Protein backbone atom coordinates (compact mmCIF):
# COMPACT_ATOMS: atom_id res chain seq x y z
CA MET A 1 28.68 14.29 -29.83
CA GLU A 2 27.35 15.44 -26.34
CA ARG A 3 28.85 13.51 -23.39
CA THR A 4 25.15 12.12 -22.48
CA GLU A 5 24.79 10.71 -25.96
CA VAL A 6 28.17 9.17 -25.68
CA VAL A 7 27.38 7.63 -22.25
CA GLY A 8 23.90 6.48 -23.59
CA ARG A 9 25.45 4.54 -26.30
CA ARG A 10 27.80 2.80 -24.10
CA LEU A 11 25.41 2.26 -21.14
CA ARG A 12 24.00 -1.27 -21.18
CA LEU A 13 21.05 -2.56 -19.06
CA ARG A 14 23.29 -5.57 -18.15
CA ASP A 15 25.62 -3.38 -16.21
CA LEU A 16 22.95 -1.65 -14.66
CA LYS A 17 21.54 -5.12 -13.52
CA LEU A 18 25.17 -5.92 -12.32
CA LEU A 19 25.64 -2.94 -10.30
CA ASP A 20 22.05 -3.41 -8.51
CA ALA A 21 23.11 -6.86 -7.73
CA VAL A 22 26.57 -5.75 -6.09
CA ALA A 23 24.61 -3.06 -4.07
CA HIS A 24 22.02 -5.73 -2.98
CA TRP A 25 24.57 -8.52 -2.12
CA GLY A 26 27.41 -6.18 -0.91
CA SER A 27 29.81 -8.25 -2.93
CA ILE A 28 30.91 -8.34 -6.33
CA ALA A 29 31.76 -12.03 -6.14
CA LYS A 30 28.42 -12.76 -4.66
CA ALA A 31 26.71 -10.69 -7.35
CA ALA A 32 28.61 -12.50 -9.86
CA ASN A 33 27.39 -15.85 -8.70
CA GLN A 34 24.03 -14.60 -8.55
CA LEU A 35 24.17 -13.64 -12.28
CA ASN A 36 26.01 -16.75 -13.52
CA ILE A 37 29.15 -14.69 -14.64
CA SER A 38 32.57 -14.75 -13.45
CA GLN A 39 34.10 -12.39 -10.81
CA PRO A 40 37.02 -11.18 -13.28
CA ALA A 41 34.16 -10.51 -15.78
CA ALA A 42 31.92 -8.65 -13.25
CA SER A 43 34.98 -6.44 -11.76
CA ARG A 44 35.95 -5.47 -15.62
CA ALA A 45 31.97 -4.59 -16.34
CA ILE A 46 31.98 -2.35 -13.44
CA ALA A 47 35.41 -0.62 -14.15
CA GLN A 48 34.23 0.00 -17.61
CA LEU A 49 31.19 1.45 -16.37
CA GLU A 50 32.93 3.80 -14.06
CA HIS A 51 35.42 4.69 -16.80
CA THR A 52 32.25 5.62 -19.27
CA LEU A 53 30.90 7.83 -16.47
CA GLY A 54 33.98 9.22 -14.94
CA VAL A 55 33.19 8.67 -11.70
CA ARG A 56 33.48 6.05 -8.94
CA LEU A 57 30.43 4.10 -8.41
CA LEU A 58 31.38 1.59 -5.64
CA ASP A 59 33.43 2.06 -2.43
CA ARG A 60 34.98 -0.86 -0.60
CA SER A 61 34.75 -0.98 3.23
CA THR A 62 34.87 -3.37 6.23
CA ARG A 63 31.31 -4.16 5.51
CA GLY A 64 31.99 -5.03 1.84
CA VAL A 65 31.06 -3.25 -1.26
CA GLU A 66 28.57 -0.29 -1.33
CA PRO A 67 27.50 2.14 -3.76
CA THR A 68 29.01 5.80 -3.56
CA LEU A 69 26.72 8.84 -3.92
CA TYR A 70 27.02 8.59 -7.71
CA GLY A 71 26.30 4.91 -7.74
CA GLN A 72 23.14 5.72 -5.42
CA VAL A 73 21.98 8.12 -8.08
CA LEU A 74 22.43 5.69 -11.01
CA LEU A 75 20.84 2.87 -9.11
CA ARG A 76 17.85 5.05 -8.37
CA ARG A 77 17.42 5.92 -12.01
CA GLY A 78 18.05 2.17 -13.02
CA VAL A 79 15.17 1.36 -10.99
CA ALA A 80 12.76 3.30 -13.00
CA ILE A 81 14.60 1.86 -16.32
CA PHE A 82 13.99 -1.80 -15.48
CA ASP A 83 10.47 -0.92 -14.22
CA GLU A 84 9.51 0.68 -17.57
CA VAL A 85 10.98 -2.30 -19.39
CA ARG A 86 8.85 -4.79 -17.35
CA GLN A 87 5.71 -2.38 -17.63
CA GLY A 88 6.25 -2.60 -21.42
CA VAL A 89 6.65 -6.38 -21.35
CA LYS A 90 3.27 -6.68 -19.39
CA GLU A 91 1.58 -4.39 -21.84
CA ILE A 92 2.67 -6.43 -24.93
CA GLU A 93 1.37 -9.85 -23.24
CA PHE A 94 -1.59 -7.82 -22.37
CA LEU A 95 -2.09 -6.83 -25.97
CA THR A 96 -1.52 -10.42 -27.18
CA ASP A 97 -4.02 -11.75 -24.57
CA PRO A 98 -6.30 -9.01 -23.02
CA THR A 99 -7.94 -11.69 -20.88
CA ALA A 100 -4.80 -12.34 -18.77
CA GLY A 101 -2.23 -10.14 -16.81
CA GLU A 102 -0.62 -9.40 -13.44
CA LEU A 103 -1.23 -6.72 -11.03
CA ARG A 104 0.65 -5.95 -7.49
CA ILE A 105 -1.54 -4.05 -4.98
CA GLY A 106 -0.44 -2.59 -1.86
CA CYS A 107 -3.16 -2.32 0.56
CA GLY A 108 -4.10 -1.80 4.24
CA GLU A 109 -5.62 -4.58 6.28
CA VAL A 110 -9.10 -2.95 6.97
CA LEU A 111 -9.66 -2.53 3.09
CA VAL A 112 -8.02 -6.11 2.42
CA ALA A 113 -10.95 -7.34 4.72
CA GLY A 114 -13.88 -5.52 2.70
CA PHE A 115 -13.41 -3.28 -0.07
CA LEU A 116 -10.53 -4.94 -1.97
CA PRO A 117 -11.86 -8.41 -2.31
CA THR A 118 -15.05 -7.09 -3.78
CA VAL A 119 -13.07 -5.16 -6.55
CA ILE A 120 -10.82 -8.07 -7.11
CA GLU A 121 -13.90 -10.44 -7.83
CA ARG A 122 -15.64 -8.04 -10.20
CA LEU A 123 -12.36 -7.47 -12.03
CA ARG A 124 -11.81 -11.36 -12.03
CA HIS A 125 -15.24 -12.25 -13.25
CA GLN A 126 -14.57 -10.12 -16.40
CA TYR A 127 -11.03 -11.39 -16.61
CA PRO A 128 -10.62 -14.62 -14.85
CA ARG A 129 -6.92 -15.33 -15.98
CA ILE A 130 -5.67 -12.06 -14.37
CA VAL A 131 -3.51 -12.76 -11.19
CA CYS A 132 -3.65 -10.51 -8.37
CA HIS A 133 -0.66 -10.07 -5.75
CA VAL A 134 -1.57 -8.35 -2.77
CA ASP A 135 1.12 -6.65 -0.48
CA GLN A 136 -0.89 -6.07 2.93
CA ALA A 137 0.93 -2.68 3.28
CA ALA A 138 -0.01 -0.82 6.61
CA THR A 139 -0.71 2.50 4.70
CA ALA A 140 -2.74 3.76 7.74
CA SER A 141 0.28 3.72 9.92
CA THR A 142 2.98 4.21 7.55
CA PRO A 143 1.68 6.62 5.23
CA ASP A 144 4.89 6.91 2.97
CA PHE A 145 3.96 4.37 0.49
CA ARG A 146 7.20 2.86 0.52
CA GLU A 147 6.32 -0.33 -1.49
CA LEU A 148 4.92 1.94 -4.20
CA ARG A 149 7.89 4.18 -4.30
CA GLU A 150 10.20 1.34 -4.47
CA ARG A 151 8.01 0.06 -7.54
CA ARG A 152 7.34 -3.46 -5.67
CA VAL A 153 3.68 -2.64 -6.28
CA ASP A 154 1.93 -1.24 -9.44
CA LEU A 155 -0.73 0.71 -7.16
CA ALA A 156 -1.62 1.32 -3.49
CA ILE A 157 -5.25 1.69 -2.32
CA GLY A 158 -5.77 2.98 1.26
CA HIS A 159 -7.06 5.86 3.72
CA ILE A 160 -4.97 9.02 3.02
CA ALA A 161 -4.84 12.43 4.93
CA ASP A 162 -6.64 15.40 3.10
CA THR A 163 -3.22 17.16 3.08
CA VAL A 164 -1.37 14.40 1.02
CA VAL A 165 -0.35 16.23 -1.89
CA ASP A 166 3.17 14.53 -2.51
CA ASP A 167 4.62 15.91 -5.90
CA ASP A 168 5.41 12.26 -6.97
CA MET A 169 1.91 10.85 -6.38
CA ASN A 170 -1.27 10.69 -8.29
CA VAL A 171 -4.10 10.60 -5.93
CA ASP A 172 -7.34 9.24 -7.16
CA ILE A 173 -9.99 9.61 -4.44
CA LEU A 174 -12.72 6.66 -4.46
CA PHE A 175 -14.81 7.81 -1.72
CA ARG A 176 -14.93 9.58 1.86
CA GLU A 177 -15.60 6.82 4.42
CA ARG A 178 -17.41 7.19 7.72
CA THR A 179 -16.34 5.37 10.93
CA PHE A 180 -19.00 3.66 13.10
CA VAL A 181 -18.78 2.34 16.79
CA VAL A 182 -19.79 -1.42 16.56
CA ALA A 183 -20.31 -4.23 18.74
CA GLY A 184 -21.31 -8.09 18.37
CA GLN A 185 -24.93 -9.05 17.76
CA ARG A 186 -24.92 -10.72 21.36
CA SER A 187 -23.71 -7.37 22.98
CA LYS A 188 -26.24 -5.83 25.40
CA TRP A 189 -25.53 -2.60 23.53
CA ALA A 190 -26.91 -4.07 20.35
CA ARG A 191 -30.49 -3.89 21.57
CA ARG A 192 -30.43 0.01 22.33
CA ARG A 193 -32.05 2.33 20.05
CA LYS A 194 -30.05 5.33 21.35
CA ILE A 195 -26.72 5.59 23.22
CA ALA A 196 -24.61 8.41 24.51
CA LEU A 197 -21.05 8.06 23.92
CA ALA A 198 -20.27 8.81 27.61
CA GLU A 199 -21.92 5.39 28.40
CA LEU A 200 -19.30 3.57 26.57
CA VAL A 201 -16.21 4.91 28.19
CA ASP A 202 -15.78 2.35 30.50
CA GLU A 203 -16.79 -0.62 28.31
CA PRO A 204 -13.91 -2.89 27.22
CA TRP A 205 -12.57 -1.51 23.69
CA LEU A 206 -10.35 -2.94 20.99
CA LEU A 207 -8.18 0.09 19.94
CA VAL A 208 -5.38 0.72 17.72
CA PRO A 209 -1.85 1.50 19.11
CA LEU A 210 -1.21 4.89 20.56
CA ASN A 211 0.60 7.63 18.77
CA THR A 212 -1.09 6.81 15.30
CA SER A 213 -3.08 8.76 12.98
CA SER A 214 -6.14 6.38 13.64
CA TYR A 215 -5.78 6.77 17.25
CA ALA A 216 -5.88 10.51 17.08
CA MET A 217 -8.95 10.35 14.89
CA ILE A 218 -10.86 8.41 17.39
CA GLU A 219 -9.45 10.50 20.58
CA GLU A 220 -10.92 13.63 18.77
CA ALA A 221 -14.30 12.23 18.49
CA PHE A 222 -14.39 11.58 22.32
CA ALA A 223 -12.90 14.85 22.92
CA ALA A 224 -15.68 16.48 20.86
CA HIS A 225 -18.17 15.27 23.46
CA GLY A 226 -15.84 16.44 26.35
CA LEU A 227 -14.59 12.79 27.16
CA LYS A 228 -11.35 11.09 27.55
CA MET A 229 -10.45 8.23 25.54
CA PRO A 230 -11.38 4.87 27.04
CA LYS A 231 -8.83 2.54 28.50
CA PRO A 232 -8.42 -0.12 25.89
CA SER A 233 -8.62 -3.70 26.67
CA ILE A 234 -6.94 -5.07 23.60
CA VAL A 235 -4.39 -2.91 21.40
CA SER A 236 -3.97 -4.14 17.78
CA TYR A 237 -4.23 -3.61 14.14
CA SER A 238 -5.56 -6.72 13.40
CA VAL A 239 -8.93 -7.12 11.81
CA HIS A 240 -8.76 -10.73 12.31
CA LEU A 241 -8.42 -10.15 16.16
CA ARG A 242 -11.59 -7.90 16.05
CA ASN A 243 -13.34 -10.48 13.90
CA SER A 244 -12.70 -13.18 16.76
CA LEU A 245 -13.58 -10.87 19.71
CA LEU A 246 -16.34 -8.75 18.68
CA PRO A 247 -18.88 -11.49 18.05
CA THR A 248 -18.55 -12.52 21.87
CA GLY A 249 -20.45 -9.46 22.60
CA ARG A 250 -18.01 -8.27 25.31
CA TYR A 251 -15.98 -5.77 23.47
CA LEU A 252 -16.53 -2.34 21.62
CA ALA A 253 -14.58 -1.29 18.67
CA TYR A 254 -14.70 1.06 15.60
CA LEU A 255 -14.78 0.07 11.96
CA PRO A 256 -15.12 2.00 8.58
CA GLY A 257 -18.26 1.89 6.52
CA SER A 258 -16.51 -0.17 3.68
CA PHE A 259 -15.96 -2.90 6.05
CA MET A 260 -19.73 -2.86 7.34
CA HIS A 261 -20.80 -2.76 3.52
CA PHE A 262 -18.64 -5.38 2.12
CA GLY A 263 -16.80 -7.48 5.08
CA ALA A 264 -17.58 -11.15 5.24
CA MET A 265 -18.05 -10.70 8.92
CA ARG A 266 -20.54 -7.64 8.78
CA SER A 267 -23.48 -9.69 9.68
CA SER A 268 -21.91 -10.48 13.05
CA PHE A 269 -21.70 -6.94 14.14
CA LYS A 270 -24.05 -4.22 14.71
CA VAL A 271 -23.54 -0.33 14.32
CA LEU A 272 -24.48 1.24 17.53
CA PRO A 273 -26.82 4.31 17.49
CA VAL A 274 -24.29 6.65 18.92
CA ASP A 275 -23.14 10.13 17.75
CA PHE A 276 -19.45 9.30 16.78
CA PRO A 277 -18.25 12.60 15.13
CA VAL A 278 -15.19 11.12 13.02
CA LYS A 279 -14.41 13.03 10.06
CA PRO A 280 -14.72 10.85 7.05
CA ARG A 281 -11.34 9.99 5.66
CA PRO A 282 -10.71 9.66 1.89
CA VAL A 283 -10.06 6.21 0.39
CA ALA A 284 -7.81 6.61 -2.83
CA ILE A 285 -5.94 4.72 -5.18
CA ILE A 286 -2.11 6.19 -5.36
CA THR A 287 0.23 5.84 -8.25
CA LEU A 288 3.51 7.16 -9.11
CA LYS A 289 3.19 10.15 -11.55
CA ASP A 290 6.50 9.12 -13.48
CA ARG A 291 5.41 5.59 -13.87
CA THR A 292 3.47 4.19 -16.88
CA LEU A 293 0.40 2.27 -15.65
CA SER A 294 -0.26 -1.28 -17.28
CA PRO A 295 -3.56 -1.94 -19.13
CA VAL A 296 -4.47 -4.49 -16.09
CA ALA A 297 -3.88 -1.45 -13.39
CA GLN A 298 -6.37 0.72 -15.58
CA LEU A 299 -8.86 -2.13 -15.71
CA PHE A 300 -8.50 -2.50 -11.60
CA ILE A 301 -8.87 1.50 -11.03
CA ASP A 302 -11.88 1.50 -13.49
CA CYS A 303 -13.33 -1.54 -11.59
CA ALA A 304 -12.57 0.07 -8.25
CA HIS A 305 -14.57 3.21 -8.96
CA GLU A 306 -17.71 0.90 -10.02
CA VAL A 307 -17.59 -0.92 -6.81
CA ALA A 308 -17.12 2.44 -4.87
CA LYS A 309 -20.11 4.17 -6.31
CA PRO A 310 -22.65 3.04 -3.59
CA LEU A 311 -20.13 4.33 -0.85
CA ALA A 312 -19.32 7.43 -2.79
CA LYS A 313 -23.07 8.44 -2.70
CA LEU A 314 -23.32 8.06 0.91
CA LYS A 315 -23.91 11.50 2.98
CA SER A 316 -20.70 12.42 4.85
């Protein structure tokens, strides 16, 4: 009998769960307490697991107990194993009752403020017992999709770079999104029929932080007109802040087309008639290649494509 088959027969899910708890708490005693088992029983289980694999899985240091290189490998694979079990349970529950289920979504704030609620409303109109958990991940500023890789969300939805081709990711592009200069309806600029970008450089702007992909995108638009970036009056990623300040008419900002199409505050803003040459950015649903999608996740993806159709048809 091959060694891998022997190990496979002796390896138990509860042992992997224990190892994960020890790594999380940095202590066998704390892990045992969390799992409602005795510390001697936990120590014996870890020792047996190490004997089965023939390697040391844990090291003891002044900081407590931490996984060795071998332990890290097993834990990384264990995450996938437990996730597949959870996904299997979800699928069984869905097959038992197709009108119910849960979905965990990672999404950036701008899409949370416009596009995502529209998708969720359409999905829940058809399946009112589905529960959606939204993790407002900053996908625009931290495009590593950490929450997805750690399997804390079922899928992520956000703006991506055209060069994103990570081997472990499936990228399903919904539409390519334009970016517009906007002002409040009470702004002096809202009544103009034509505006040169140069006229807006010295106005008060709401901008995102420096050294981000979004900032670089806007900087390129000004550079295309031979202009330097305006000095910001407010620096923040917060859509809520923009929603509060733009209606005063004293500020300018830029917003994506999906927000102006779906956002609850869109009637308070005016897209200004100015040439703003920002390359449309892809908005995509991102999933892990080696992860089984739940039926609810697939329903969400289908629904997102339906909602995105009007935006996908717009000319870039």
